[in-house]
PDB file of N, CA and C in Angstrom:
ATOM      1  N   ASN A   1     218.797   2.463 -99.847  1.00  0.00           N
ATOM      2  CA  ASN A   1     217.559   1.699-100.254  1.00  0.00           C
ATOM      3  C   ASN A   1     217.522   0.368-100.582  1.00  0.00           C
ATOM      4  N   ASN A   2     218.772  -0.191-101.118  1.00  0.00           N
ATOM      5  CA  ASN A   2     218.786  -1.535-101.390  1.00  0.00           C
ATOM      6  C   ASN A   2     218.927  -2.549-100.208  1.00  0.00           C
ATOM      7  N   LEU A   3     219.697  -1.927 -99.249  1.00  0.00           N
ATOM      8  CA  LEU A   3     219.861  -2.583 -98.044  1.00  0.00           C
ATOM      9  C   LEU A   3     218.533  -2.932 -97.158  1.00  0.00           C
ATOM     10  N   ASN A   4     217.636  -2.092 -97.129  1.00  0.00           N
ATOM     11  CA  ASN A   4     216.430  -2.360 -96.444  1.00  0.00           C
ATOM     12  C   ASN A   4     215.221  -2.661 -97.358  1.00  0.00           C
ATOM     13  N   ALA A   5     215.466  -2.748 -98.743  1.00  0.00           N
ATOM     14  CA  ALA A   5     214.445  -3.100 -99.664  1.00  0.00           C
ATOM     15  C   ALA A   5     213.473  -1.961 -99.534  1.00  0.00           C
ATOM     16  N   VAL A   6     213.723  -0.811 -99.343  1.00  0.00           N
ATOM     17  CA  VAL A   6     212.793   0.254 -99.384  1.00  0.00           C
ATOM     18  C   VAL A   6     212.764   0.896-100.619  1.00  0.00           C
ATOM     19  N   ARG A   7     211.474   1.231-101.100  1.00  0.00           N
ATOM     20  CA  ARG A   7     211.083   1.645-102.547  1.00  0.00           C
ATOM     21  C   ARG A   7     211.596   3.196-102.627  1.00  0.00           C
ATOM     22  N   GLU A   8     212.318   3.474-103.598  1.00  0.00           N
ATOM     23  CA  GLU A   8     212.882   4.795-103.758  1.00  0.00           C
ATOM     24  C   GLU A   8     211.840   5.777-104.056  1.00  0.00           C
ATOM     25  N   SER A   9     211.919   7.058-103.203  1.00  0.00           N
ATOM     26  CA  SER A   9     210.930   8.115-103.375  1.00  0.00           C
ATOM     27  C   SER A   9     211.009   8.935-104.710  1.00  0.00           C
ATOM     28  N   SER A  10     210.103   9.499-105.069  1.00  0.00           N
ATOM     29  CA  SER A  10     210.242  10.370-106.324  1.00  0.00           C
ATOM     30  C   SER A  10     211.495  11.435-105.998  1.00  0.00           C
ATOM     31  N   TYR A  11     211.489  11.918-104.838  1.00  0.00           N
ATOM     32  CA  TYR A  11     212.528  13.007-104.751  1.00  0.00           C
ATOM     33  C   TYR A  11     213.946  12.451-104.719  1.00  0.00           C
ATOM     34  N   THR A  12     214.182  11.181-104.104  1.00  0.00           N
ATOM     35  CA  THR A  12     215.348  10.534-104.267  1.00  0.00           C
ATOM     36  C   THR A  12     215.542  10.180-105.756  1.00  0.00           C
ATOM     37  N   ALA A  13     214.810   9.789-106.614  1.00  0.00           N
ATOM     38  CA  ALA A  13     215.001   9.472-107.981  1.00  0.00           C
ATOM     39  C   ALA A  13     215.274  10.716-108.752  1.00  0.00           C
ATOM     40  N   LEU A  14     214.747  11.973-108.290  1.00  0.00           N
ATOM     41  CA  LEU A  14     215.149  13.111-109.119  1.00  0.00           C
ATOM     42  C   LEU A  14     216.468  13.542-108.541  1.00  0.00           C
ATOM     43  N   LEU A  15     217.028  13.346-107.407  1.00  0.00           N
ATOM     44  CA  LEU A  15     218.262  13.585-107.067  1.00  0.00           C
ATOM     45  C   LEU A  15     219.246  12.939-107.768  1.00  0.00           C
ATOM     46  N   ARG A  16     218.882  11.547-107.720  1.00  0.00           N
ATOM     47  CA  ARG A  16     219.851  10.484-108.389  1.00  0.00           C
ATOM     48  C   ARG A  16     219.959  10.874-109.867  1.00  0.00           C
ATOM     49  N   LYS A  17     218.979  10.923-110.546  1.00  0.00           N
ATOM     50  CA  LYS A  17     219.060  11.435-111.967  1.00  0.00           C
ATOM     51  C   LYS A  17     219.768  12.721-112.204  1.00  0.00           C
ATOM     52  N   SER A  18     219.510  13.658-111.418  1.00  0.00           N
ATOM     53  CA  SER A  18     220.300  14.975-111.578  1.00  0.00           C
ATOM     54  C   SER A  18     221.660  14.754-111.329  1.00  0.00           C
ATOM     55  N   LEU A  19     222.262  13.990-110.396  1.00  0.00           N
ATOM     56  CA  LEU A  19     223.410  13.680-110.300  1.00  0.00           C
ATOM     57  C   LEU A  19     223.985  12.958-111.515  1.00  0.00           C
ATOM     58  N   ASP A  20     223.295  11.934-112.226  1.00  0.00           N
ATOM     59  CA  ASP A  20     223.670  10.909-113.053  1.00  0.00           C
ATOM     60  C   ASP A  20     224.125  11.855-114.400  1.00  0.00           C
ATOM     61  N   VAL A  21     223.156  12.981-114.594  1.00  0.00           N
ATOM     62  CA  VAL A  21     223.377  13.644-115.963  1.00  0.00           C
ATOM     63  C   VAL A  21     224.131  15.020-115.655  1.00  0.00           C
ATOM     64  N   GLY A  22     224.635  15.141-114.382  1.00  0.00           N
ATOM     65  CA  GLY A  22     225.501  16.408-114.052  1.00  0.00           C
ATOM     66  C   GLY A  22     224.879  17.644-114.074  1.00  0.00           C
ATOM     67  N   LEU A  23     223.596  17.661-113.501  1.00  0.00           N
ATOM     68  CA  LEU A  23     222.700  18.883-113.389  1.00  0.00           C
ATOM     69  C   LEU A  23     222.669  19.255-111.776  1.00  0.00           C
ATOM     70  N   LEU A  24     222.455  20.466-111.498  1.00  0.00           N
ATOM     71  CA  LEU A  24     222.305  20.835-110.063  1.00  0.00           C
ATOM     72  C   LEU A  24     220.758  20.459-110.015  1.00  0.00           C
ATOM     73  N   PRO A  25     220.558  19.728-108.763  1.00  0.00           N
ATOM     74  CA  PRO A  25     219.203  19.457-108.350  1.00  0.00           C
ATOM     75  C   PRO A  25     218.441  20.643-108.204  1.00  0.00           C
ATOM     76  N   LEU A  26     217.007  20.655-108.868  1.00  0.00           N
ATOM     77  CA  LEU A  26     216.060  21.829-108.465  1.00  0.00           C
ATOM     78  C   LEU A  26     214.793  21.242-107.847  1.00  0.00           C
ATOM     79  N   LYS A  27     214.104  22.120-107.311  1.00  0.00           N
ATOM     80  CA  LYS A  27     212.842  21.793-107.050  1.00  0.00           C
ATOM     81  C   LYS A  27     212.066  22.089-108.283  1.00  0.00           C
ATOM     82  N   LEU A  28     211.486  20.952-108.745  1.00  0.00           N
ATOM     83  CA  LEU A  28     210.868  21.051-110.098  1.00  0.00           C
ATOM     84  C   LEU A  28     209.244  21.110-109.904  1.00  0.00           C
ATOM     85  N   GLY A  29     208.890  21.619-108.897  1.00  0.00           N
ATOM     86  CA  GLY A  29     207.525  21.942-108.796  1.00  0.00           C
ATOM     87  C   GLY A  29     206.954  21.250-107.496  1.00  0.00           C
ATOM     88  N   VAL A  30     205.521  21.392-107.531  1.00  0.00           N
ATOM     89  CA  VAL A  30     204.778  21.048-106.258  1.00  0.00           C
ATOM     90  C   VAL A  30     203.721  20.081-106.706  1.00  0.00           C
ATOM     91  N   VAL A  31     203.562  19.062-106.187  1.00  0.00           N
ATOM     92  CA  VAL A  31     202.204  18.202-106.462  1.00  0.00           C
ATOM     93  C   VAL A  31     201.038  18.621-105.483  1.00  0.00           C
ATOM     94  N   LYS A  32     200.196  19.080-106.008  1.00  0.00           N
ATOM     95  CA  LYS A  32     199.063  19.612-105.024  1.00  0.00           C
ATOM     96  C   LYS A  32     197.835  18.978-105.328  1.00  0.00           C
ATOM     97  N   ARG A  33     197.136  18.812-104.159  1.00  0.00           N
ATOM     98  CA  ARG A  33     195.884  18.138-104.386  1.00  0.00           C
ATOM     99  C   ARG A  33     194.650  19.279-104.831  1.00  0.00           C
ATOM    100  N   VAL A  34     193.936  18.657-105.654  1.00  0.00           N
ATOM    101  CA  VAL A  34     192.867  19.413-106.380  1.00  0.00           C
ATOM    102  C   VAL A  34     191.611  18.497-106.186  1.00  0.00           C
ATOM    103  N   GLY A  35     190.734  18.666-105.333  1.00  0.00           N
ATOM    104  CA  GLY A  35     189.741  17.811-105.094  1.00  0.00           C
ATOM    105  C   GLY A  35     190.248  16.316-104.878  1.00  0.00           C
ATOM    106  N   SER A  36     189.926  15.347-105.592  1.00  0.00           N
ATOM    107  CA  SER A  36     190.231  13.967-105.314  1.00  0.00           C
ATOM    108  C   SER A  36     191.504  13.495-106.133  1.00  0.00           C
ATOM    109  N   GLU A  37     191.880  14.521-107.042  1.00  0.00           N
ATOM    110  CA  GLU A  37     193.171  14.129-107.919  1.00  0.00           C
ATOM    111  C   GLU A  37     194.103  15.071-107.461  1.00  0.00           C
ATOM    112  N   LYS A  38     195.527  14.667-108.174  1.00  0.00           N
ATOM    113  CA  LYS A  38     196.681  15.440-107.941  1.00  0.00           C
ATOM    114  C   LYS A  38     197.114  15.965-109.233  1.00  0.00           C
ATOM    115  N   GLU A  39     197.595  17.123-109.251  1.00  0.00           N
ATOM    116  CA  GLU A  39     198.241  17.717-110.354  1.00  0.00           C
ATOM    117  C   GLU A  39     199.640  18.080-110.140  1.00  0.00           C
ATOM    118  N   LEU A  40     200.535  18.079-111.381  1.00  0.00           N
ATOM    119  CA  LEU A  40     201.843  18.465-111.343  1.00  0.00           C
ATOM    120  C   LEU A  40     201.645  19.686-112.255  1.00  0.00           C
ATOM    121  N   GLN A  41     201.941  20.768-111.504  1.00  0.00           N
ATOM    122  CA  GLN A  41     201.759  22.191-112.316  1.00  0.00           C
ATOM    123  C   GLN A  41     203.283  22.758-112.576  1.00  0.00           C
ATOM    124  N   LEU A  42     203.674  22.639-113.792  1.00  0.00           N
ATOM    125  CA  LEU A  42     205.101  23.064-114.080  1.00  0.00           C
ATOM    126  C   LEU A  42     205.166  23.859-115.202  1.00  0.00           C
ATOM    127  N   GLY A  43     204.123  24.425-115.701  1.00  0.00           N
ATOM    128  CA  GLY A  43     203.972  25.535-116.837  1.00  0.00           C
ATOM    129  C   GLY A  43     205.090  26.571-116.542  1.00  0.00           C
ATOM    130  N   HIS A  44     205.457  26.913-117.791  1.00  0.00           N
ATOM    131  CA  HIS A  44     206.323  28.109-117.885  1.00  0.00           C
ATOM    132  C   HIS A  44     207.526  28.055-117.043  1.00  0.00           C
ATOM    133  N   PHE A  45     208.238  26.879-116.584  1.00  0.00           N
ATOM    134  CA  PHE A  45     209.463  26.718-116.003  1.00  0.00           C
ATOM    135  C   PHE A  45     210.637  26.842-116.772  1.00  0.00           C
ATOM    136  N   LYS A  46     210.316  26.548-118.192  1.00  0.00           N
ATOM    137  CA  LYS A  46     211.435  26.566-119.095  1.00  0.00           C
ATOM    138  C   LYS A  46     212.615  25.630-118.681  1.00  0.00           C
ATOM    139  N   ILE A  47     212.220  24.353-118.259  1.00  0.00           N
ATOM    140  CA  ILE A  47     213.252  23.543-117.729  1.00  0.00           C
ATOM    141  C   ILE A  47     214.075  22.767-118.842  1.00  0.00           C
ATOM    142  N   GLY A  48     213.520  22.613-120.184  1.00  0.00           N
ATOM    143  CA  GLY A  48     214.445  21.977-121.230  1.00  0.00           C
ATOM    144  C   GLY A  48     214.421  20.419-121.073  1.00  0.00           C
ATOM    145  N   ASP A  49     215.032  19.680-122.075  1.00  0.00           N
ATOM    146  CA  ASP A  49     215.228  18.411-122.208  1.00  0.00           C
ATOM    147  C   ASP A  49     215.696  17.798-121.097  1.00  0.00           C
ATOM    148  N   SER A  50     217.055  18.285-120.615  1.00  0.00           N
ATOM    149  CA  SER A  50     217.845  17.680-119.562  1.00  0.00           C
ATOM    150  C   SER A  50     216.991  17.556-118.156  1.00  0.00           C
ATOM    151  N   TYR A  51     216.258  18.557-117.788  1.00  0.00           N
ATOM    152  CA  TYR A  51     215.627  18.516-116.528  1.00  0.00           C
ATOM    153  C   TYR A  51     214.181  17.823-116.920  1.00  0.00           C
ATOM    154  N   ALA A  52     213.623  17.593-118.036  1.00  0.00           N
ATOM    155  CA  ALA A  52     212.451  16.820-118.429  1.00  0.00           C
ATOM    156  C   ALA A  52     213.037  15.419-118.069  1.00  0.00           C
ATOM    157  N   GLU A  53     214.159  15.061-118.377  1.00  0.00           N
ATOM    158  CA  GLU A  53     214.628  13.677-118.337  1.00  0.00           C
ATOM    159  C   GLU A  53     214.682  13.463-116.823  1.00  0.00           C
ATOM    160  N   VAL A  54     215.066  14.385-116.025  1.00  0.00           N
ATOM    161  CA  VAL A  54     215.216  14.302-114.553  1.00  0.00           C
ATOM    162  C   VAL A  54     213.888  14.170-114.042  1.00  0.00           C
ATOM    163  N   LEU A  55     212.901  14.835-114.391  1.00  0.00           N
ATOM    164  CA  LEU A  55     211.544  14.717-114.056  1.00  0.00           C
ATOM    165  C   LEU A  55     210.820  13.503-114.252  1.00  0.00           C
ATOM    166  N   GLY A  56     211.176  13.018-115.445  1.00  0.00           N
ATOM    167  CA  GLY A  56     210.701  11.669-115.944  1.00  0.00           C
ATOM    168  C   GLY A  56     211.147  10.700-114.843  1.00  0.00           C
ATOM    169  N   ALA A  57     212.350  10.703-114.454  1.00  0.00           N
ATOM    170  CA  ALA A  57     212.902   9.577-113.446  1.00  0.00           C
ATOM    171  C   ALA A  57     212.016   9.691-112.152  1.00  0.00           C
ATOM    172  N   GLY A  58     211.651  11.007-111.732  1.00  0.00           N
ATOM    173  CA  GLY A  58     210.936  11.177-110.502  1.00  0.00           C
ATOM    174  C   GLY A  58     209.595  10.684-110.982  1.00  0.00           C
ATOM    175  N   LEU A  59     209.049  10.912-112.127  1.00  0.00           N
ATOM    176  CA  LEU A  59     207.502  10.520-112.195  1.00  0.00           C
ATOM    177  C   LEU A  59     207.380   9.022-112.111  1.00  0.00           C
ATOM    178  N   LYS A  60     208.504   8.205-112.427  1.00  0.00           N
ATOM    179  CA  LYS A  60     208.343   6.981-112.375  1.00  0.00           C
ATOM    180  C   LYS A  60     207.755   6.410-111.038  1.00  0.00           C
ATOM    181  N   ASN A  61     208.368   6.947-110.004  1.00  0.00           N
ATOM    182  CA  ASN A  61     207.942   6.444-108.539  1.00  0.00           C
ATOM    183  C   ASN A  61     206.787   7.278-108.060  1.00  0.00           C
ATOM    184  N   LEU A  62     206.322   8.347-108.992  1.00  0.00           N
ATOM    185  CA  LEU A  62     205.109   9.086-108.365  1.00  0.00           C
ATOM    186  C   LEU A  62     203.993   9.034-109.352  1.00  0.00           C
ATOM    187  N   ALA A  63     204.111   8.474-110.437  1.00  0.00           N
ATOM    188  CA  ALA A  63     203.194   8.344-111.434  1.00  0.00           C
ATOM    189  C   ALA A  63     201.608   7.986-111.224  1.00  0.00           C
ATOM    190  N   SER A  64     201.577   7.001-110.222  1.00  0.00           N
ATOM    191  CA  SER A  64     200.416   6.402-109.871  1.00  0.00           C
ATOM    192  C   SER A  64     199.461   7.446-109.085  1.00  0.00           C
ATOM    193  N   ASP A  65     200.046   8.518-108.529  1.00  0.00           N
ATOM    194  CA  ASP A  65     199.415   9.532-107.710  1.00  0.00           C
ATOM    195  C   ASP A  65     198.953  10.742-108.659  1.00  0.00           C
ATOM    196  N   VAL A  66     199.836  10.950-109.633  1.00  0.00           N
ATOM    197  CA  VAL A  66     199.495  12.221-110.526  1.00  0.00           C
ATOM    198  C   VAL A  66     198.366  11.832-111.721  1.00  0.00           C
ATOM    199  N   LYS A  67     197.381  12.732-111.731  1.00  0.00           N
ATOM    200  CA  LYS A  67     196.428  12.665-112.715  1.00  0.00           C
ATOM    201  C   LYS A  67     196.620  13.590-113.828  1.00  0.00           C
ATOM    202  N   VAL A  68     197.009  14.723-113.503  1.00  0.00           N
ATOM    203  CA  VAL A  68     197.219  15.884-114.531  1.00  0.00           C
ATOM    204  C   VAL A  68     198.516  16.474-114.297  1.00  0.00           C
ATOM    205  N   VAL A  69     199.157  16.541-115.619  1.00  0.00           N
ATOM    206  CA  VAL A  69     200.498  17.008-115.701  1.00  0.00           C
ATOM    207  C   VAL A  69     200.630  18.294-116.726  1.00  0.00           C
ATOM    208  N   ASN A  70     200.844  19.353-116.117  1.00  0.00           N
ATOM    209  CA  ASN A  70     201.050  20.670-116.992  1.00  0.00           C
ATOM    210  C   ASN A  70     202.434  21.040-117.300  1.00  0.00           C
ATOM    211  N   LEU A  71     202.900  20.795-118.416  1.00  0.00           N
ATOM    212  CA  LEU A  71     204.233  21.150-118.835  1.00  0.00           C
ATOM    213  C   LEU A  71     204.397  22.227-119.977  1.00  0.00           C
ATOM    214  N   THR A  72     203.398  22.961-120.128  1.00  0.00           N
ATOM    215  CA  THR A  72     203.233  23.900-121.207  1.00  0.00           C
ATOM    216  C   THR A  72     204.588  24.944-121.177  1.00  0.00           C
ATOM    217  N   SER A  73     204.990  25.353-122.367  1.00  0.00           N
ATOM    218  CA  SER A  73     205.982  26.418-122.291  1.00  0.00           C
ATOM    219  C   SER A  73     207.240  26.069-121.558  1.00  0.00           C
ATOM    220  N   ASN A  74     208.020  24.977-121.898  1.00  0.00           N
ATOM    221  CA  ASN A  74     209.081  24.508-120.910  1.00  0.00           C
ATOM    222  C   ASN A  74     210.247  23.978-121.905  1.00  0.00           C
ATOM    223  N   ARG A  75     210.315  24.575-123.193  1.00  0.00           N
ATOM    224  CA  ARG A  75     211.449  24.317-124.261  1.00  0.00           C
ATOM    225  C   ARG A  75     211.836  22.743-124.236  1.00  0.00           C
ATOM    226  N   ILE A  76     210.768  21.973-124.151  1.00  0.00           N
ATOM    227  CA  ILE A  76     210.893  20.575-124.330  1.00  0.00           C
ATOM    228  C   ILE A  76     210.867  20.236-125.669  1.00  0.00           C
ATOM    229  N   SER A  77     211.679  19.493-126.288  1.00  0.00           N
ATOM    230  CA  SER A  77     211.905  18.820-127.391  1.00  0.00           C
ATOM    231  C   SER A  77     211.293  17.349-127.586  1.00  0.00           C
ATOM    232  N   GLY A  78     211.412  16.549-128.604  1.00  0.00           N
ATOM    233  CA  GLY A  78     211.074  15.298-128.559  1.00  0.00           C
ATOM    234  C   GLY A  78     211.633  14.432-127.644  1.00  0.00           C
ATOM    235  N   ARG A  79     212.975  14.584-127.373  1.00  0.00           N
ATOM    236  CA  ARG A  79     213.700  13.806-126.553  1.00  0.00           C
ATOM    237  C   ARG A  79     213.160  14.025-125.126  1.00  0.00           C
ATOM    238  N   GLY A  80     212.957  15.085-124.492  1.00  0.00           N
ATOM    239  CA  GLY A  80     212.466  15.459-123.338  1.00  0.00           C
ATOM    240  C   GLY A  80     211.138  14.921-122.976  1.00  0.00           C
ATOM    241  N   ALA A  81     210.248  15.055-124.201  1.00  0.00           N
ATOM    242  CA  ALA A  81     208.830  14.579-124.041  1.00  0.00           C
ATOM    243  C   ALA A  81     208.938  13.030-123.884  1.00  0.00           C
ATOM    244  N   GLU A  82     209.779  12.406-124.757  1.00  0.00           N
ATOM    245  CA  GLU A  82     209.762  10.997-124.705  1.00  0.00           C
ATOM    246  C   GLU A  82     210.213  10.451-123.308  1.00  0.00           C
ATOM    247  N   ALA A  83     211.096  11.009-122.638  1.00  0.00           N
ATOM    248  CA  ALA A  83     211.533  10.706-121.335  1.00  0.00           C
ATOM    249  C   ALA A  83     210.331  10.877-120.208  1.00  0.00           C
ATOM    250  N   LEU A  84     209.635  11.810-120.496  1.00  0.00           N
ATOM    251  CA  LEU A  84     208.467  12.254-119.562  1.00  0.00           C
ATOM    252  C   LEU A  84     207.230  11.300-119.881  1.00  0.00           C
ATOM    253  N   LEU A  85     207.081  10.912-121.184  1.00  0.00           N
ATOM    254  CA  LEU A  85     205.926  10.070-121.549  1.00  0.00           C
ATOM    255  C   LEU A  85     206.287   8.614-121.209  1.00  0.00           C
ATOM    256  N   LEU A  86     207.458   8.053-121.303  1.00  0.00           N
ATOM    257  CA  LEU A  86     207.579   6.808-120.855  1.00  0.00           C
ATOM    258  C   LEU A  86     207.553   6.353-119.411  1.00  0.00           C
ATOM    259  N   ASN A  87     207.528   7.324-118.625  1.00  0.00           N
ATOM    260  CA  ASN A  87     207.401   7.428-117.236  1.00  0.00           C
ATOM    261  C   ASN A  87     205.956   7.601-116.632  1.00  0.00           C
ATOM    262  N   LEU A  88     204.958   8.085-117.365  1.00  0.00           N
ATOM    263  CA  LEU A  88     203.741   8.392-116.879  1.00  0.00           C
ATOM    264  C   LEU A  88     203.018   7.139-116.488  1.00  0.00           C
ATOM    265  N   SER A  89     202.202   7.161-115.590  1.00  0.00           N
ATOM    266  CA  SER A  89     201.322   6.032-115.131  1.00  0.00           C
ATOM    267  C   SER A  89     200.103   6.023-116.327  1.00  0.00           C
ATOM    268  N   PRO A  90     199.456   4.869-116.694  1.00  0.00           N
ATOM    269  CA  PRO A  90     198.229   4.815-117.251  1.00  0.00           C
ATOM    270  C   PRO A  90     197.128   5.561-116.768  1.00  0.00           C
ATOM    271  N   ALA A  91     197.212   5.676-115.412  1.00  0.00           N
ATOM    272  CA  ALA A  91     196.284   6.598-114.484  1.00  0.00           C
ATOM    273  C   ALA A  91     196.373   8.028-114.694  1.00  0.00           C
ATOM    274  N   THR A  92     197.332   8.619-115.492  1.00  0.00           N
ATOM    275  CA  THR A  92     197.579  10.037-115.830  1.00  0.00           C
ATOM    276  C   THR A  92     196.356  10.212-116.777  1.00  0.00           C
ATOM    277  N   GLN A  93     195.522  11.316-116.476  1.00  0.00           N
ATOM    278  CA  GLN A  93     194.362  11.365-117.463  1.00  0.00           C
ATOM    279  C   GLN A  93     194.578  12.506-118.334  1.00  0.00           C
ATOM    280  N   ARG A  94     195.480  13.608-118.094  1.00  0.00           N
ATOM    281  CA  ARG A  94     195.783  14.793-119.024  1.00  0.00           C
ATOM    282  C   ARG A  94     197.157  15.140-118.696  1.00  0.00           C
ATOM    283  N   ILE A  95     197.742  15.435-120.082  1.00  0.00           N
ATOM    284  CA  ILE A  95     199.167  16.047-119.904  1.00  0.00           C
ATOM    285  C   ILE A  95     199.090  17.056-121.142  1.00  0.00           C
ATOM    286  N   ASP A  96     199.640  18.333-120.439  1.00  0.00           N
ATOM    287  CA  ASP A  96     199.616  19.558-121.471  1.00  0.00           C
ATOM    288  C   ASP A  96     201.079  19.854-121.694  1.00  0.00           C
ATOM    289  N   LEU A  97     201.390  19.506-123.033  1.00  0.00           N
ATOM    290  CA  LEU A  97     202.799  19.855-123.497  1.00  0.00           C
ATOM    291  C   LEU A  97     202.894  20.915-124.520  1.00  0.00           C
ATOM    292  N   SER A  98     201.748  21.768-124.542  1.00  0.00           N
ATOM    293  CA  SER A  98     201.594  22.817-125.463  1.00  0.00           C
ATOM    294  C   SER A  98     202.775  23.906-125.452  1.00  0.00           C
ATOM    295  N   SER A  99     202.963  24.604-126.556  1.00  0.00           N
ATOM    296  CA  SER A  99     203.820  25.557-126.534  1.00  0.00           C
ATOM    297  C   SER A  99     205.351  25.033-126.330  1.00  0.00           C
ATOM    298  N   ASN A 100     205.596  23.846-126.540  1.00  0.00           N
ATOM    299  CA  ASN A 100     207.048  23.331-126.683  1.00  0.00           C
ATOM    300  C   ASN A 100     207.367  22.977-127.950  1.00  0.00           C
ATOM    301  N   LYS A 101     208.561  22.565-128.181  1.00  0.00           N
ATOM    302  CA  LYS A 101     209.144  22.267-129.634  1.00  0.00           C
ATOM    303  C   LYS A 101     209.275  20.685-129.689  1.00  0.00           C
ATOM    304  N   ILE A 102     208.275  19.901-129.616  1.00  0.00           N
ATOM    305  CA  ILE A 102     208.168  18.475-129.527  1.00  0.00           C
ATOM    306  C   ILE A 102     208.525  17.983-131.002  1.00  0.00           C
ATOM    307  N   GLY A 103     207.692  18.432-131.913  1.00  0.00           N
ATOM    308  CA  GLY A 103     207.797  17.883-133.352  1.00  0.00           C
ATOM    309  C   GLY A 103     206.863  16.764-133.295  1.00  0.00           C
ATOM    310  N   LEU A 104     207.310  15.809-134.358  1.00  0.00           N
ATOM    311  CA  LEU A 104     206.458  14.634-134.455  1.00  0.00           C
ATOM    312  C   LEU A 104     207.214  13.384-133.799  1.00  0.00           C
ATOM    313  N   ILE A 105     206.706  12.872-132.851  1.00  0.00           N
ATOM    314  CA  ILE A 105     207.350  11.462-132.187  1.00  0.00           C
ATOM    315  C   ILE A 105     206.248  10.523-132.266  1.00  0.00           C
ATOM    316  N   GLY A 106     206.884   9.266-132.272  1.00  0.00           N
ATOM    317  CA  GLY A 106     205.963   8.039-132.092  1.00  0.00           C
ATOM    318  C   GLY A 106     205.505   7.688-133.268  1.00  0.00           C
TER     319      GLY A 106
END
């Protein structure tokens, strides 16, 4: 991507981060259109912190398109939540991190 100055896609970022942290690449969900907004529905996948960090890397490139993020019940702690939240766009209107073990952050 550097050779042609092409912006890295969210999928490429997910794959790159998976390799960087030594995880098998997984399909982490589908972005689907609901009316005029987009939602990332990943509730109850139990992805944990490592895959939350991988997803955060993908969100960095996808963030301006995503308005709603559902990550309920995914075994995410403060570490994983921080990786996700740091990569969300200000355009994100709602994020659901309920039923995770985040504790107090920030």
